[in-house]
C-alpha atoms as a PDB file:
ATOM      1  CA  UNK A   1    -138.234 123.638  -6.625  1.00  0.00           C
ATOM      2  CA  UNK A   2    -140.019 120.893  -4.628  1.00  0.00           C
ATOM      3  CA  UNK A   3    -143.405 119.987  -4.043  1.00  0.00           C
ATOM      4  CA  UNK A   4    -143.531 120.799  -0.354  1.00  0.00           C
ATOM      5  CA  UNK A   5    -141.412 123.876  -1.265  1.00  0.00           C
ATOM      6  CA  UNK A   6    -144.277 124.639  -3.218  1.00  0.00           C
ATOM      7  CA  UNK A   7    -146.578 123.857  -0.613  1.00  0.00           C
ATOM      8  CA  UNK A   8    -144.967 126.237   1.766  1.00  0.00           C
ATOM      9  CA  UNK A   9    -145.119 129.315  -1.001  1.00  0.00           C
ATOM     10  CA  UNK A  10    -148.827 128.842  -0.394  1.00  0.00           C
ATOM     11  CA  UNK A  11    -147.807 130.279   3.349  1.00  0.00           C
ATOM     12  CA  UNK A  12    -146.249 132.972   1.930  1.00  0.00           C
ATOM     13  CA  UNK A  13    -142.370 131.798   2.883  1.00  0.00           C
ATOM     14  CA  UNK A  14    -139.454 130.665   0.973  1.00  0.00           C
ATOM     15  CA  UNK A  15    -139.436 127.242   1.333  1.00  0.00           C
ATOM     16  CA  UNK A  16    -140.206 124.136   4.232  1.00  0.00           C
ATOM     17  CA  UNK A  17    -137.331 125.514   6.462  1.00  0.00           C
ATOM     18  CA  UNK A  18    -139.089 128.951   7.057  1.00  0.00           C
ATOM     19  CA  UNK A  19    -142.496 127.527   7.673  1.00  0.00           C
ATOM     20  CA  UNK A  20    -143.984 128.170  10.753  1.00  0.00           C
ATOM     21  CA  UNK A  21    -146.136 124.694  11.702  1.00  0.00           C
ATOM     22  CA  UNK A  22    -148.960 126.755  13.295  1.00  0.00           C
ATOM     23  CA  UNK A  23    -149.673 127.916   9.884  1.00  0.00           C
ATOM     24  CA  UNK A  24    -150.473 124.557   8.713  1.00  0.00           C
ATOM     25  CA  UNK A  25    -152.117 123.217  11.585  1.00  0.00           C
ATOM     26  CA  UNK A  26    -154.145 126.183  12.077  1.00  0.00           C
ATOM     27  CA  UNK A  27    -152.822 126.329  15.370  1.00  0.00           C
ATOM     28  CA  UNK A  28    -151.747 130.022  15.970  1.00  0.00           C
ATOM     29  CA  UNK A  29    -151.778 131.085  19.011  1.00  0.00           C
ATOM     30  CA  UNK A  30    -151.042 127.668  20.684  1.00  0.00           C
ATOM     31  CA  UNK A  31    -147.485 127.218  22.412  1.00  0.00           C
ATOM     32  CA  UNK A  32    -147.193 123.331  21.983  1.00  0.00           C
ATOM     33  CA  UNK A  33    -143.198 122.391  21.668  1.00  0.00           C
ATOM     34  CA  UNK A  34    -141.929 119.764  20.504  1.00  0.00           C
ATOM     35  CA  UNK A  35    -138.761 117.839  22.951  1.00  0.00           C
ATOM     36  CA  UNK A  36    -136.449 115.668  21.884  1.00  0.00           C
ATOM     37  CA  UNK A  37    -135.465 111.906  23.398  1.00  0.00           C
ATOM     38  CA  UNK A  38    -132.901 109.691  22.756  1.00  0.00           C
ATOM     39  CA  UNK A  39    -131.218 107.112  24.392  1.00  0.00           C
ATOM     40  CA  UNK A  40    -128.050 107.502  22.308  1.00  0.00           C
ATOM     41  CA  UNK A  41    -127.357 111.038  23.486  1.00  0.00           C
ATOM     42  CA  UNK A  42    -125.105 112.793  25.701  1.00  0.00           C
ATOM     43  CA  UNK A  43    -126.447 113.298  28.994  1.00  0.00           C
ATOM     44  CA  UNK A  44    -127.184 116.851  30.340  1.00  0.00           C
ATOM     45  CA  UNK A  45    -129.611 118.053  27.175  1.00  0.00           C
ATOM     46  CA  UNK A  46    -132.251 120.481  27.994  1.00  0.00           C
ATOM     47  CA  UNK A  47    -134.292 118.370  24.566  1.00  0.00           C
ATOM     48  CA  UNK A  48    -134.503 121.480  22.252  1.00  0.00           C
ATOM     49  CA  UNK A  49    -133.201 120.006  19.244  1.00  0.00           C
ATOM     50  CA  UNK A  50    -131.891 116.478  18.965  1.00  0.00           C
ATOM     51  CA  UNK A  51    -127.985 117.744  19.339  1.00  0.00           C
ATOM     52  CA  UNK A  52    -129.393 118.487  22.955  1.00  0.00           C
ATOM     53  CA  UNK A  53    -131.960 115.473  23.361  1.00  0.00           C
ATOM     54  CA  UNK A  54    -133.085 114.214  26.736  1.00  0.00           C
ATOM     55  CA  UNK A  55    -132.215 110.531  27.194  1.00  0.00           C
ATOM     56  CA  UNK A  56    -135.290 109.281  28.832  1.00  0.00           C
ATOM     57  CA  UNK A  57    -139.288 110.035  28.571  1.00  0.00           C
ATOM     58  CA  UNK A  58    -139.143 111.012  31.791  1.00  0.00           C
ATOM     59  CA  UNK A  59    -136.822 113.491  31.750  1.00  0.00           C
ATOM     60  CA  UNK A  60    -138.921 114.657  28.835  1.00  0.00           C
ATOM     61  CA  UNK A  61    -142.464 114.554  30.453  1.00  0.00           C
ATOM     62  CA  UNK A  62    -140.942 116.693  33.775  1.00  0.00           C
ATOM     63  CA  UNK A  63    -140.942 119.236  30.557  1.00  0.00           C
ATOM     64  CA  UNK A  64    -143.916 118.595  29.095  1.00  0.00           C
ATOM     65  CA  UNK A  65    -147.499 120.509  29.220  1.00  0.00           C
ATOM     66  CA  UNK A  66    -151.050 119.471  27.576  1.00  0.00           C
ATOM     67  CA  UNK A  67    -150.510 119.613  23.882  1.00  0.00           C
ATOM     68  CA  UNK A  68    -146.649 119.135  23.750  1.00  0.00           C
ATOM     69  CA  UNK A  69    -145.068 116.405  21.396  1.00  0.00           C
ATOM     70  CA  UNK A  70    -142.267 114.279  22.324  1.00  0.00           C
ATOM     71  CA  UNK A  71    -140.274 113.292  19.549  1.00  0.00           C
ATOM     72  CA  UNK A  72    -138.399 109.707  19.986  1.00  0.00           C
ATOM     73  CA  UNK A  73    -135.385 108.767  18.150  1.00  0.00           C
ATOM     74  CA  UNK A  74    -135.089 105.886  15.955  1.00  0.00           C
ATOM     75  CA  UNK A  75    -133.238 103.179  18.139  1.00  0.00           C
ATOM     76  CA  UNK A  76    -134.296 104.831  21.395  1.00  0.00           C
ATOM     77  CA  UNK A  77    -134.140 102.192  24.135  1.00  0.00           C
ATOM     78  CA  UNK A  78    -135.782 102.202  27.562  1.00  0.00           C
ATOM     79  CA  UNK A  79    -135.869  99.016  30.059  1.00  0.00           C
ATOM     80  CA  UNK A  80    -138.079  98.661  32.925  1.00  0.00           C
ATOM     81  CA  UNK A  81    -137.122  96.510  35.553  1.00  0.00           C
ATOM     82  CA  UNK A  82    -139.876  97.340  37.988  1.00  0.00           C
ATOM     83  CA  UNK A  83    -143.433  98.418  38.330  1.00  0.00           C
ATOM     84  CA  UNK A  84    -144.997 101.432  37.577  1.00  0.00           C
ATOM     85  CA  UNK A  85    -141.072 101.625  36.502  1.00  0.00           C
ATOM     86  CA  UNK A  86    -142.240 104.126  33.726  1.00  0.00           C
ATOM     87  CA  UNK A  87    -145.561 106.157  34.475  1.00  0.00           C
ATOM     88  CA  UNK A  88    -146.883 108.657  31.803  1.00  0.00           C
ATOM     89  CA  UNK A  89    -148.882 111.049  33.858  1.00  0.00           C
ATOM     90  CA  UNK A  90    -148.820 114.347  32.100  1.00  0.00           C
ATOM     91  CA  UNK A  91    -152.515 115.081  30.099  1.00  0.00           C
ATOM     92  CA  UNK A  92    -152.614 116.080  26.808  1.00  0.00           C
ATOM     93  CA  UNK A  93    -148.664 114.965  25.509  1.00  0.00           C
ATOM     94  CA  UNK A  94    -148.251 112.848  22.515  1.00  0.00           C
ATOM     95  CA  UNK A  95    -145.231 110.620  22.164  1.00  0.00           C
ATOM     96  CA  UNK A  96    -144.088 110.027  18.379  1.00  0.00           C
ATOM     97  CA  UNK A  97    -141.461 107.668  17.581  1.00  0.00           C
ATOM     98  CA  UNK A  98    -139.273 107.641  14.627  1.00  0.00           C
ATOM     99  CA  UNK A  99    -137.885 105.052  12.951  1.00  0.00           C
ATOM    100  CA  UNK A 100    -139.286 101.701  10.861  1.00  0.00           C
ATOM    101  CA  UNK A 101    -139.483  97.888  11.894  1.00  0.00           C
ATOM    102  CA  UNK A 102    -137.813  97.039  15.025  1.00  0.00           C
ATOM    103  CA  UNK A 103    -135.634 100.174  14.354  1.00  0.00           C
ATOM    104  CA  UNK A 104    -138.766 102.322  16.005  1.00  0.00           C
ATOM    105  CA  UNK A 105    -138.390 103.047  19.869  1.00  0.00           C
ATOM    106  CA  UNK A 106    -138.317 100.137  22.103  1.00  0.00           C
ATOM    107  CA  UNK A 107    -139.623 100.062  25.673  1.00  0.00           C
ATOM    108  CA  UNK A 108    -138.264  96.496  26.973  1.00  0.00           C
ATOM    109  CA  UNK A 109    -139.762  95.161  30.659  1.00  0.00           C
ATOM    110  CA  UNK A 110    -137.557  92.609  32.487  1.00  0.00           C
ATOM    111  CA  UNK A 111    -136.377  91.319  35.689  1.00  0.00           C
ATOM    112  CA  UNK A 112    -140.082  91.085  37.813  1.00  0.00           C
ATOM    113  CA  UNK A 113    -143.425  89.986  36.572  1.00  0.00           C
ATOM    114  CA  UNK A 114    -144.992  93.283  37.484  1.00  0.00           C
ATOM    115  CA  UNK A 115    -142.503  95.385  35.525  1.00  0.00           C
ATOM    116  CA  UNK A 116    -144.892  98.117  33.506  1.00  0.00           C
ATOM    117  CA  UNK A 117    -145.655 101.577  32.208  1.00  0.00           C
ATOM    118  CA  UNK A 118    -148.290 103.149  33.225  1.00  0.00           C
ATOM    119  CA  UNK A 119    -150.722 105.885  31.336  1.00  0.00           C
ATOM    120  CA  UNK A 120    -152.212 107.731  33.832  1.00  0.00           C
ATOM    121  CA  UNK A 121    -152.601 111.082  31.768  1.00  0.00           C
ATOM    122  CA  UNK A 122    -155.637 111.524  30.165  1.00  0.00           C
ATOM    123  CA  UNK A 123    -155.247 111.932  26.284  1.00  0.00           C
ATOM    124  CA  UNK A 124    -151.738 110.630  25.981  1.00  0.00           C
ATOM    125  CA  UNK A 125    -151.268 109.566  22.683  1.00  0.00           C
ATOM    126  CA  UNK A 126    -148.622 106.801  21.677  1.00  0.00           C
ATOM    127  CA  UNK A 127    -147.593 106.350  18.235  1.00  0.00           C
ATOM    128  CA  UNK A 128    -145.015 104.123  16.615  1.00  0.00           C
ATOM    129  CA  UNK A 129    -143.491 101.949  19.788  1.00  0.00           C
ATOM    130  CA  UNK A 130    -142.159  98.774  20.279  1.00  0.00           C
ATOM    131  CA  UNK A 131    -143.096  97.518  23.690  1.00  0.00           C
ATOM    132  CA  UNK A 132    -140.816  94.138  23.940  1.00  0.00           C
ATOM    133  CA  UNK A 133    -141.544  91.394  27.433  1.00  0.00           C
ATOM    134  CA  UNK A 134    -137.953  90.325  28.221  1.00  0.00           C
ATOM    135  CA  UNK A 135    -139.069  88.550  31.015  1.00  0.00           C
ATOM    136  CA  UNK A 136    -141.591  85.813  31.391  1.00  0.00           C
ATOM    137  CA  UNK A 137    -145.376  85.562  32.677  1.00  0.00           C
ATOM    138  CA  UNK A 138    -145.446  89.793  32.609  1.00  0.00           C
ATOM    139  CA  UNK A 139    -148.628  90.438  34.485  1.00  0.00           C
ATOM    140  CA  UNK A 140    -149.550  94.001  32.360  1.00  0.00           C
ATOM    141  CA  UNK A 141    -146.636  95.250  31.255  1.00  0.00           C
ATOM    142  CA  UNK A 142    -148.388  98.044  28.861  1.00  0.00           C
ATOM    143  CA  UNK A 143    -151.118  99.848  31.857  1.00  0.00           C
ATOM    144  CA  UNK A 144    -153.393 102.167  30.719  1.00  0.00           C
ATOM    145  CA  UNK A 145    -155.374 103.646  33.697  1.00  0.00           C
ATOM    146  CA  UNK A 146    -156.709 107.143  32.352  1.00  0.00           C
ATOM    147  CA  UNK A 147    -159.527 108.330  29.746  1.00  0.00           C
ATOM    148  CA  UNK A 148    -158.545 109.085  25.938  1.00  0.00           C
ATOM    149  CA  UNK A 149    -155.383 106.979  25.865  1.00  0.00           C
ATOM    150  CA  UNK A 150    -154.156 106.566  21.800  1.00  0.00           C
ATOM    151  CA  UNK A 151    -152.457 103.637  20.987  1.00  0.00           C
ATOM    152  CA  UNK A 152    -151.529 103.973  17.636  1.00  0.00           C
ATOM    153  CA  UNK A 153    -148.887 101.954  15.166  1.00  0.00           C
ATOM    154  CA  UNK A 154    -147.668 100.054  17.962  1.00  0.00           C
ATOM    155  CA  UNK A 155    -146.158  96.343  18.275  1.00  0.00           C
ATOM    156  CA  UNK A 156    -146.428  94.394  21.500  1.00  0.00           C
ATOM    157  CA  UNK A 157    -144.045  91.590  21.345  1.00  0.00           C
ATOM    158  CA  UNK A 158    -142.953  88.412  23.563  1.00  0.00           C
ATOM    159  CA  UNK A 159    -138.860  87.861  23.627  1.00  0.00           C
ATOM    160  CA  UNK A 160    -138.706  86.066  26.081  1.00  0.00           C
ATOM    161  CA  UNK A 161    -141.282  83.846  27.748  1.00  0.00           C
ATOM    162  CA  UNK A 162    -144.937  84.798  27.222  1.00  0.00           C
ATOM    163  CA  UNK A 163    -147.020  87.711  28.818  1.00  0.00           C
ATOM    164  CA  UNK A 164    -149.905  86.483  30.506  1.00  0.00           C
ATOM    165  CA  UNK A 165    -151.460  89.715  29.285  1.00  0.00           C
ATOM    166  CA  UNK A 166    -149.521  92.457  27.365  1.00  0.00           C
ATOM    167  CA  UNK A 167    -151.710  95.141  27.373  1.00  0.00           C
ATOM    168  CA  UNK A 168    -154.385  95.651  30.350  1.00  0.00           C
ATOM    169  CA  UNK A 169    -156.625  98.560  30.828  1.00  0.00           C
ATOM    170  CA  UNK A 170    -158.530  99.882  33.934  1.00  0.00           C
ATOM    171  CA  UNK A 171    -162.541 100.816  33.921  1.00  0.00           C
ATOM    172  CA  UNK A 172    -161.117 104.050  33.695  1.00  0.00           C
ATOM    173  CA  UNK A 173    -160.060 104.168  30.122  1.00  0.00           C
ATOM    174  CA  UNK A 174    -162.681 105.106  28.239  1.00  0.00           C
ATOM    175  CA  UNK A 175    -162.791 106.192  24.667  1.00  0.00           C
ATOM    176  CA  UNK A 176    -159.172 104.235  24.519  1.00  0.00           C
ATOM    177  CA  UNK A 177    -158.208 103.856  20.624  1.00  0.00           C
ATOM    178  CA  UNK A 178    -155.809 100.887  19.766  1.00  0.00           C
ATOM    179  CA  UNK A 179    -155.453 101.683  16.081  1.00  0.00           C
ATOM    180  CA  UNK A 180    -152.850 100.041  13.794  1.00  0.00           C
ATOM    181  CA  UNK A 181    -151.574  97.293  16.586  1.00  0.00           C
ATOM    182  CA  UNK A 182    -149.334  93.947  16.150  1.00  0.00           C
ATOM    183  CA  UNK A 183    -148.992  91.757  18.855  1.00  0.00           C
ATOM    184  CA  UNK A 184    -146.045  89.272  17.975  1.00  0.00           C
ATOM    185  CA  UNK A 185    -146.869  86.485  20.819  1.00  0.00           C
ATOM    186  CA  UNK A 186    -145.063  83.522  21.364  1.00  0.00           C
ATOM    187  CA  UNK A 187    -146.413  80.372  19.830  1.00  0.00           C
ATOM    188  CA  UNK A 188    -146.001  78.164  23.339  1.00  0.00           C
ATOM    189  CA  UNK A 189    -148.595  78.429  25.921  1.00  0.00           C
ATOM    190  CA  UNK A 190    -148.546  81.189  28.687  1.00  0.00           C
ATOM    191  CA  UNK A 191    -150.598  83.965  27.551  1.00  0.00           C
ATOM    192  CA  UNK A 192    -153.899  84.424  28.869  1.00  0.00           C
ATOM    193  CA  UNK A 193    -154.640  87.717  26.786  1.00  0.00           C
ATOM    194  CA  UNK A 194    -153.097  89.897  24.147  1.00  0.00           C
ATOM    195  CA  UNK A 195    -155.110  92.758  25.460  1.00  0.00           C
ATOM    196  CA  UNK A 196    -157.485  92.638  28.819  1.00  0.00           C
ATOM    197  CA  UNK A 197    -159.494  95.443  29.781  1.00  0.00           C
ATOM    198  CA  UNK A 198    -161.993  95.707  32.441  1.00  0.00           C
ATOM    199  CA  UNK A 199    -165.149  97.612  32.133  1.00  0.00           C
ATOM    200  CA  UNK A 200    -164.875 100.623  30.411  1.00  0.00           C
ATOM    201  CA  UNK A 201    -166.733 102.678  27.416  1.00  0.00           C
ATOM    202  CA  UNK A 202    -166.619 103.723  23.621  1.00  0.00           C
ATOM    203  CA  UNK A 203    -163.258 101.738  23.489  1.00  0.00           C
ATOM    204  CA  UNK A 204    -162.100 101.051  19.837  1.00  0.00           C
ATOM    205  CA  UNK A 205    -159.520  98.764  18.773  1.00  0.00           C
ATOM    206  CA  UNK A 206    -158.777  98.853  15.041  1.00  0.00           C
ATOM    207  CA  UNK A 207    -156.418  97.575  12.172  1.00  0.00           C
ATOM    208  CA  UNK A 208    -154.863  95.254  14.553  1.00  0.00           C
ATOM    209  CA  UNK A 209    -152.663  91.548  13.431  1.00  0.00           C
ATOM    210  CA  UNK A 210    -153.096  89.617  16.903  1.00  0.00           C
ATOM    211  CA  UNK A 211    -151.103  86.093  17.314  1.00  0.00           C
ATOM    212  CA  UNK A 212    -150.337  84.168  20.137  1.00  0.00           C
ATOM    213  CA  UNK A 213    -151.405  81.034  22.315  1.00  0.00           C
ATOM    214  CA  UNK A 214    -154.176  82.848  24.453  1.00  0.00           C
ATOM    215  CA  UNK A 215    -155.772  80.463  26.774  1.00  0.00           C
ATOM    216  CA  UNK A 216    -158.424  83.274  27.898  1.00  0.00           C
ATOM    217  CA  UNK A 217    -158.596  85.009  24.237  1.00  0.00           C
ATOM    218  CA  UNK A 218    -156.799  87.491  21.891  1.00  0.00           C
ATOM    219  CA  UNK A 219    -158.889  90.369  23.242  1.00  0.00           C
ATOM    220  CA  UNK A 220    -161.112  90.115  26.408  1.00  0.00           C
ATOM    221  CA  UNK A 221    -163.420  92.353  27.794  1.00  0.00           C
ATOM    222  CA  UNK A 222    -163.951  91.488  31.654  1.00  0.00           C
ATOM    223  CA  UNK A 223    -165.455  91.862  35.471  1.00  0.00           C
ATOM    224  CA  UNK A 224    -167.756  95.347  34.906  1.00  0.00           C
ATOM    225  CA  UNK A 225    -169.898  95.623  31.537  1.00  0.00           C
ATOM    226  CA  UNK A 226    -168.516  98.335  29.204  1.00  0.00           C
ATOM    227  CA  UNK A 227    -170.968 100.081  26.623  1.00  0.00           C
ATOM    228  CA  UNK A 228    -170.601 101.417  22.510  1.00  0.00           C
ATOM    229  CA  UNK A 229    -167.357  99.009  22.178  1.00  0.00           C
ATOM    230  CA  UNK A 230    -165.963  98.094  18.389  1.00  0.00           C
ATOM    231  CA  UNK A 231    -163.740  95.736  17.513  1.00  0.00           C
ATOM    232  CA  UNK A 232    -162.925  95.428  14.215  1.00  0.00           C
ATOM    233  CA  UNK A 233    -163.233  97.736  10.916  1.00  0.00           C
ATOM    234  CA  UNK A 234    -160.597 100.480  10.292  1.00  0.00           C
ATOM    235  CA  UNK A 235    -159.320 101.130   6.636  1.00  0.00           C
ATOM    236  CA  UNK A 236    -157.930  97.622   6.584  1.00  0.00           C
ATOM    237  CA  UNK A 237    -158.107  94.187   7.737  1.00  0.00           C
ATOM    238  CA  UNK A 238    -158.527  92.747  11.326  1.00  0.00           C
ATOM    239  CA  UNK A 239    -156.106  89.261  11.961  1.00  0.00           C
ATOM    240  CA  UNK A 240    -156.370  86.927  14.839  1.00  0.00           C
ATOM    241  CA  UNK A 241    -154.675  83.761  14.792  1.00  0.00           C
ATOM    242  CA  UNK A 242    -154.594  81.552  18.464  1.00  0.00           C
ATOM    243  CA  UNK A 243    -152.429  78.957  18.842  1.00  0.00           C
ATOM    244  CA  UNK A 244    -154.355  77.607  21.955  1.00  0.00           C
ATOM    245  CA  UNK A 245    -156.901  74.311  22.223  1.00  0.00           C
ATOM    246  CA  UNK A 246    -159.610  76.565  23.687  1.00  0.00           C
ATOM    247  CA  UNK A 247    -160.060  78.508  20.562  1.00  0.00           C
ATOM    248  CA  UNK A 248    -160.948  81.640  21.410  1.00  0.00           C
ATOM    249  CA  UNK A 249    -160.217  84.789  19.601  1.00  0.00           C
ATOM    250  CA  UNK A 250    -162.459  87.304  21.335  1.00  0.00           C
ATOM    251  CA  UNK A 251    -164.247  87.494  24.781  1.00  0.00           C
ATOM    252  CA  UNK A 252    -166.690  89.742  25.878  1.00  0.00           C
ATOM    253  CA  UNK A 253    -168.280  90.290  29.335  1.00  0.00           C
ATOM    254  CA  UNK A 254    -172.412  88.659  28.686  1.00  0.00           C
ATOM    255  CA  UNK A 255    -173.796  92.303  29.192  1.00  0.00           C
ATOM    256  CA  UNK A 256    -171.127  94.752  27.472  1.00  0.00           C
ATOM    257  CA  UNK A 257    -172.269  96.150  24.121  1.00  0.00           C
ATOM    258  CA  UNK A 258    -171.017  97.623  20.686  1.00  0.00           C
ATOM    259  CA  UNK A 259    -169.882  96.239  17.562  1.00  0.00           C
ATOM    260  CA  UNK A 260    -167.349  93.169  16.085  1.00  0.00           C
ATOM    261  CA  UNK A 261    -166.421  93.884  12.669  1.00  0.00           C
ATOM    262  CA  UNK A 262    -166.615  94.132   9.954  1.00  0.00           C
ATOM    263  CA  UNK A 263    -163.313  92.909   8.357  1.00  0.00           C
ATOM    264  CA  UNK A 264    -162.078  90.097  10.694  1.00  0.00           C
ATOM    265  CA  UNK A 265    -160.066  87.270   9.942  1.00  0.00           C
ATOM    266  CA  UNK A 266    -159.598  84.639  12.790  1.00  0.00           C
ATOM    267  CA  UNK A 267    -157.589  81.242  12.742  1.00  0.00           C
ATOM    268  CA  UNK A 268    -158.329  78.495  15.000  1.00  0.00           C
ATOM    269  CA  UNK A 269    -156.069  76.049  16.500  1.00  0.00           C
ATOM    270  CA  UNK A 270    -158.148  72.537  16.194  1.00  0.00           C
ATOM    271  CA  UNK A 271    -160.244  71.393  13.207  1.00  0.00           C
ATOM    272  CA  UNK A 272    -163.804  70.898  15.962  1.00  0.00           C
ATOM    273  CA  UNK A 273    -166.730  73.145  16.296  1.00  0.00           C
ATOM    274  CA  UNK A 274    -165.636  76.110  17.141  1.00  0.00           C
ATOM    275  CA  UNK A 275    -167.054  78.470  14.478  1.00  0.00           C
ATOM    276  CA  UNK A 276    -169.752  79.974  16.619  1.00  0.00           C
ATOM    277  CA  UNK A 277    -167.650  79.558  20.032  1.00  0.00           C
ATOM    278  CA  UNK A 278    -164.866  81.127  19.056  1.00  0.00           C
ATOM    279  CA  UNK A 279    -165.944  84.719  19.619  1.00  0.00           C
ATOM    280  CA  UNK A 280    -167.986  85.331  22.903  1.00  0.00           C
ATOM    281  CA  UNK A 281    -170.182  88.474  23.038  1.00  0.00           C
ATOM    282  CA  UNK A 282    -173.554  87.533  23.811  1.00  0.00           C
ATOM    283  CA  UNK A 283    -174.858  91.552  23.969  1.00  0.00           C
ATOM    284  CA  UNK A 284    -172.856  92.842  20.776  1.00  0.00           C
ATOM    285  CA  UNK A 285    -173.679  92.761  17.585  1.00  0.00           C
ATOM    286  CA  UNK A 286    -171.926  91.238  15.156  1.00  0.00           C
ATOM    287  CA  UNK A 287    -171.364  93.725  11.360  1.00  0.00           C
ATOM    288  CA  UNK A 288    -169.874  90.935   8.816  1.00  0.00           C
ATOM    289  CA  UNK A 289    -167.300  89.976   7.583  1.00  0.00           C
ATOM    290  CA  UNK A 290    -166.223  87.773  10.236  1.00  0.00           C
ATOM    291  CA  UNK A 291    -164.286  85.236   8.731  1.00  0.00           C
ATOM    292  CA  UNK A 292    -162.897  81.837  10.444  1.00  0.00           C
ATOM    293  CA  UNK A 293    -160.760  79.271   9.736  1.00  0.00           C
ATOM    294  CA  UNK A 294    -159.819  76.254  11.677  1.00  0.00           C
ATOM    295  CA  UNK A 295    -157.793  73.595   9.297  1.00  0.00           C
ATOM    296  CA  UNK A 296    -155.066  74.467   6.782  1.00  0.00           C
ATOM    297  CA  UNK A 297    -155.618  74.018   3.518  1.00  0.00           C
ATOM    298  CA  UNK A 298    -159.113  74.667   4.192  1.00  0.00           C
ATOM    299  CA  UNK A 299    -160.930  78.200   3.313  1.00  0.00           C
ATOM    300  CA  UNK A 300    -162.438  80.396   5.901  1.00  0.00           C
ATOM    301  CA  UNK A 301    -165.908  80.387   6.217  1.00  0.00           C
ATOM    302  CA  UNK A 302    -168.196  83.067   7.526  1.00  0.00           C
ATOM    303  CA  UNK A 303    -168.762  82.935  11.329  1.00  0.00           C
ATOM    304  CA  UNK A 304    -171.888  81.175  12.093  1.00  0.00           C
ATOM    305  CA  UNK A 305    -173.996  83.352  14.496  1.00  0.00           C
ATOM    306  CA  UNK A 306    -177.864  84.056  14.409  1.00  0.00           C
ATOM    307  CA  UNK A 307    -178.726  85.992  11.511  1.00  0.00           C
ATOM    308  CA  UNK A 308    -180.742  89.438  12.005  1.00  0.00           C
ATOM    309  CA  UNK A 309    -184.713  88.828  10.499  1.00  0.00           C
ATOM    310  CA  UNK A 310    -186.584  91.165   8.766  1.00  0.00           C
ATOM    311  CA  UNK A 311    -188.722  90.862  11.593  1.00  0.00           C
END
């Protein structure tokens, strides 16, 4: 008997194949369903199993209600060619991609600069997806416009040219959580940010690796003040590498509050007076360690923002 079957025995069933997920999760009475999606499947399925998988996220969403899980096959691909080409508007739905590395489900944006996916449903969660910019100067391919969105273990990647801003959030995306995010930007100029959010409160961005040539900054919060932001922390290290001579890693509106750090490592393009200046966040507190390096062959130094005193 395997380890998982041993766990199943604790619930009074013969093995994992007989185990009711409601018992394990403590969700007895919750009618959540799993809907299956695979772009390589034959059309005409009802989404009830891999053998009858639907071929698009939109088709799955039409069947879903809050608390349903949409399970997406490795190698699944969707191409977005217009503004609002994919709208995820059902509140409380979870989208889980299967597959490792570039085998995870891919959503590619192409044809026009405004091609984008809009998340407008509150409480939408997406885990283990890869978003690729297949057209130069995309303005907001991943567009967030609702509260309580979670983007977990995702990749955003320039594959053609450079997206101007890759993930863009509106003031509506309070309590946004981005965790386990890797941004594979292009080395060439053209990007402003990897993440840009207008306003929004209680946003958390953690466990990230962000690379690109950012004229504005890797992470930006702008236009309207936000409250109680946290950038950094999580279970591991956080890394921003900008190739742009402006040398800005994080820039926040001057009256946005919250915390930057701990465990942020920043790599800058120029060997210049830029250690303090690479993080712009006048009303936020900084939790060390925040380490900055601006020249190959050198070790990082702690960011030299004014330290607190026991006044």
